[in-house]
Amino acid sequence: MAEKPKVPLKPPAPASEPAAPETPGGGLDRKKLALVHIVKKELGLRDEDYRCILKRIAGVESSKDLDEAGFRKLMRFFVRSDYYRANSFGMTLKQKLFVKALVRDLAWDPAHLTNFIRKYYQRDGLDALDRKDASKLIESLKAVRAHDVRAG
């Protein structure tokens, strides 16, 4: 049998990074822009206040001009600011997000959380809690999570 001539193999083409999603203004991708607008709506911000926050915190006139660093600054401001409340009773957005994270950790469905709040806090659900009760709920959920870890 005759040997086939050896052909040098070409090295594989360098793997290029996938292109970032096309965004308006070359800033953030659409999902992050949508998140900014969802938070704005959840907080009930007037457009004038929202634009003032954008300028003061991220240094831009429009969310379309946000870069990754500006997005992170803005989200950190929204979550950490005590001025912004998740409801009219005083619960902060940070508390609400933390409760939701704990509920996810516990694998509870929304009805289970609502029933828990009705039983122990005599409120109609998470959005009816004030800041003090939200803090108590967080501690209760952390205790339930710790108990589940010890028991499991």
Protein backbone atom coordinates (compact mmCIF):
# COMPACT_ATOMS: atom_id res chain seq x y z
CA MET A 1 0.00 0.00 0.00
CA ALA A 2 1.22 3.42 -0.83
CA GLU A 3 1.40 5.95 1.94
CA LYS A 4 -0.64 9.09 1.63
CA PRO A 5 1.45 12.22 1.58
CA LYS A 6 1.33 14.00 4.91
CA VAL A 7 -0.35 17.33 4.66
CA PRO A 8 0.46 19.75 7.44
CA LEU A 9 -2.64 20.54 9.44
CA LYS A 10 -3.67 24.13 9.77
CA PRO A 11 -3.86 25.34 13.33
CA PRO A 12 -7.41 25.98 14.42
CA ALA A 13 -8.63 29.48 13.88
CA PRO A 14 -8.40 31.53 17.07
CA ALA A 15 -11.68 31.54 18.90
CA SER A 16 -13.01 35.03 18.82
CA GLU A 17 -15.22 36.33 21.54
CA PRO A 18 -18.86 36.54 20.61
CA ALA A 19 -19.88 40.02 19.67
CA ALA A 20 -21.74 41.94 22.32
CA PRO A 21 -25.43 42.36 21.59
CA GLU A 22 -26.11 45.38 19.43
CA THR A 23 -27.25 48.19 21.65
CA PRO A 24 -28.48 51.67 21.05
CA GLY A 25 -25.67 54.14 21.65
CA GLY A 26 -23.13 51.32 22.05
CA GLY A 27 -23.82 51.06 25.82
CA LEU A 28 -25.66 48.33 27.65
CA ASP A 29 -27.50 45.40 26.19
CA ARG A 30 -31.28 45.54 25.96
CA LYS A 31 -31.90 43.33 29.01
CA LYS A 32 -30.02 45.69 31.32
CA LEU A 33 -31.76 48.72 29.84
CA ALA A 34 -35.08 46.97 30.42
CA LEU A 35 -34.07 46.27 34.03
CA VAL A 36 -33.33 49.96 34.61
CA HIS A 37 -36.79 50.88 33.33
CA ILE A 38 -38.48 48.13 35.38
CA VAL A 39 -36.83 49.42 38.56
CA LYS A 40 -37.82 52.97 37.64
CA LYS A 41 -41.42 51.85 37.25
CA GLU A 42 -41.43 49.74 40.45
CA LEU A 43 -40.10 52.69 42.41
CA GLY A 44 -42.71 54.98 40.86
CA LEU A 45 -40.14 57.56 39.84
CA ARG A 46 -41.29 60.58 37.89
CA ASP A 47 -39.33 61.11 34.68
CA GLU A 48 -37.84 64.35 36.03
CA ASP A 49 -36.54 62.60 39.19
CA TYR A 50 -35.27 59.63 37.19
CA ARG A 51 -33.26 61.86 34.84
CA CYS A 52 -31.82 63.77 37.78
CA ILE A 53 -30.66 60.49 39.36
CA LEU A 54 -29.15 59.32 36.06
CA LYS A 55 -27.16 62.56 35.81
CA ARG A 56 -26.08 62.63 39.46
CA ILE A 57 -25.18 58.95 39.90
CA ALA A 58 -24.05 57.80 36.45
CA GLY A 59 -23.27 61.10 34.73
CA VAL A 60 -25.55 60.49 31.73
CA GLU A 61 -28.69 62.14 30.40
CA SER A 62 -30.38 58.93 29.24
CA SER A 63 -30.21 55.25 30.17
CA LYS A 64 -29.22 54.56 26.56
CA ASP A 65 -25.91 56.29 27.34
CA LEU A 66 -25.10 54.07 30.34
CA ASP A 67 -22.00 51.92 30.24
CA GLU A 68 -21.42 48.89 32.48
CA ALA A 69 -19.87 50.94 35.29
CA GLY A 70 -22.71 53.48 35.20
CA PHE A 71 -25.27 50.68 35.24
CA ARG A 72 -23.68 49.15 38.34
CA LYS A 73 -23.54 52.52 40.12
CA LEU A 74 -27.20 53.17 39.32
CA MET A 75 -28.38 49.74 40.47
CA ARG A 76 -26.31 50.00 43.65
CA PHE A 77 -27.91 53.39 44.33
CA PHE A 78 -31.44 52.05 43.80
CA VAL A 79 -30.91 49.01 46.00
CA ARG A 80 -29.01 50.69 48.84
CA SER A 81 -30.82 53.97 49.08
CA ASP A 82 -33.14 54.19 52.07
CA TYR A 83 -34.92 57.05 50.37
CA TYR A 84 -36.55 54.72 47.85
CA ARG A 85 -39.16 52.42 49.21
CA ALA A 86 -40.58 49.29 47.63
CA ASN A 87 -43.98 50.26 49.04
CA SER A 88 -45.74 53.11 50.78
CA PHE A 89 -45.37 51.41 54.19
CA GLY A 90 -41.59 51.91 54.28
CA MET A 91 -40.17 48.56 53.19
CA THR A 92 -37.00 49.18 51.21
CA LEU A 93 -36.27 47.73 47.80
CA LYS A 94 -33.23 45.99 49.29
CA GLN A 95 -35.45 44.26 51.86
CA LYS A 96 -37.91 43.16 49.20
CA LEU A 97 -35.17 41.75 46.99
CA PHE A 98 -33.59 39.95 49.96
CA VAL A 99 -36.91 38.37 50.93
CA LYS A 100 -37.37 37.16 47.36
CA ALA A 101 -33.86 35.66 47.37
CA LEU A 102 -34.53 33.85 50.65
CA VAL A 103 -37.84 32.52 49.31
CA ARG A 104 -35.99 31.21 46.22
CA ASP A 105 -33.43 29.52 48.49
CA LEU A 106 -36.26 27.85 50.38
CA ALA A 107 -37.99 26.84 47.11
CA TRP A 108 -41.27 28.31 48.32
CA ASP A 109 -43.92 29.31 45.85
CA PRO A 110 -45.54 32.77 46.15
CA ALA A 111 -48.67 31.34 47.80
CA HIS A 112 -46.56 29.76 50.55
CA LEU A 113 -44.90 33.09 51.31
CA THR A 114 -48.26 34.90 51.31
CA ASN A 115 -49.72 32.34 53.74
CA PHE A 116 -46.65 32.62 55.99
CA ILE A 117 -47.00 36.41 56.09
CA ARG A 118 -50.74 36.19 56.82
CA LYS A 119 -50.21 33.69 59.64
CA TYR A 120 -47.28 35.39 61.40
CA TYR A 121 -47.61 39.08 60.45
CA GLN A 122 -51.37 39.46 59.85
CA ARG A 123 -50.75 41.21 56.51
CA ASP A 124 -52.03 40.40 53.03
CA GLY A 125 -48.61 39.75 51.51
CA LEU A 126 -45.09 41.00 51.03
CA ASP A 127 -46.16 44.38 49.61
CA ALA A 128 -48.22 45.12 52.73
CA LEU A 129 -45.27 44.92 55.15
CA ASP A 130 -43.62 47.94 56.69
CA ARG A 131 -39.87 48.23 57.18
CA LYS A 132 -39.90 46.78 60.70
CA ASP A 133 -42.02 43.75 59.76
CA ALA A 134 -39.91 43.18 56.64
CA SER A 135 -36.83 43.00 58.88
CA LYS A 136 -38.60 40.50 61.14
CA LEU A 137 -39.66 38.46 58.11
CA ILE A 138 -36.08 38.36 56.84
CA GLU A 139 -34.87 37.06 60.19
CA SER A 140 -37.69 34.48 60.25
CA LEU A 141 -36.84 33.24 56.75
CA LYS A 142 -33.15 33.03 57.64
CA ALA A 143 -34.07 30.93 60.68
CA VAL A 144 -36.26 28.64 58.56
CA ARG A 145 -33.41 28.27 56.06
CA ALA A 146 -30.93 27.44 58.87
CA HIS A 147 -33.38 24.90 60.30
CA ASP A 148 -33.80 23.27 56.90
CA VAL A 149 -30.02 23.03 56.53
CA ARG A 150 -29.64 21.39 59.94
CA ALA A 151 -32.55 19.03 59.35
CA GLY A 152 -31.52 18.11 55.80
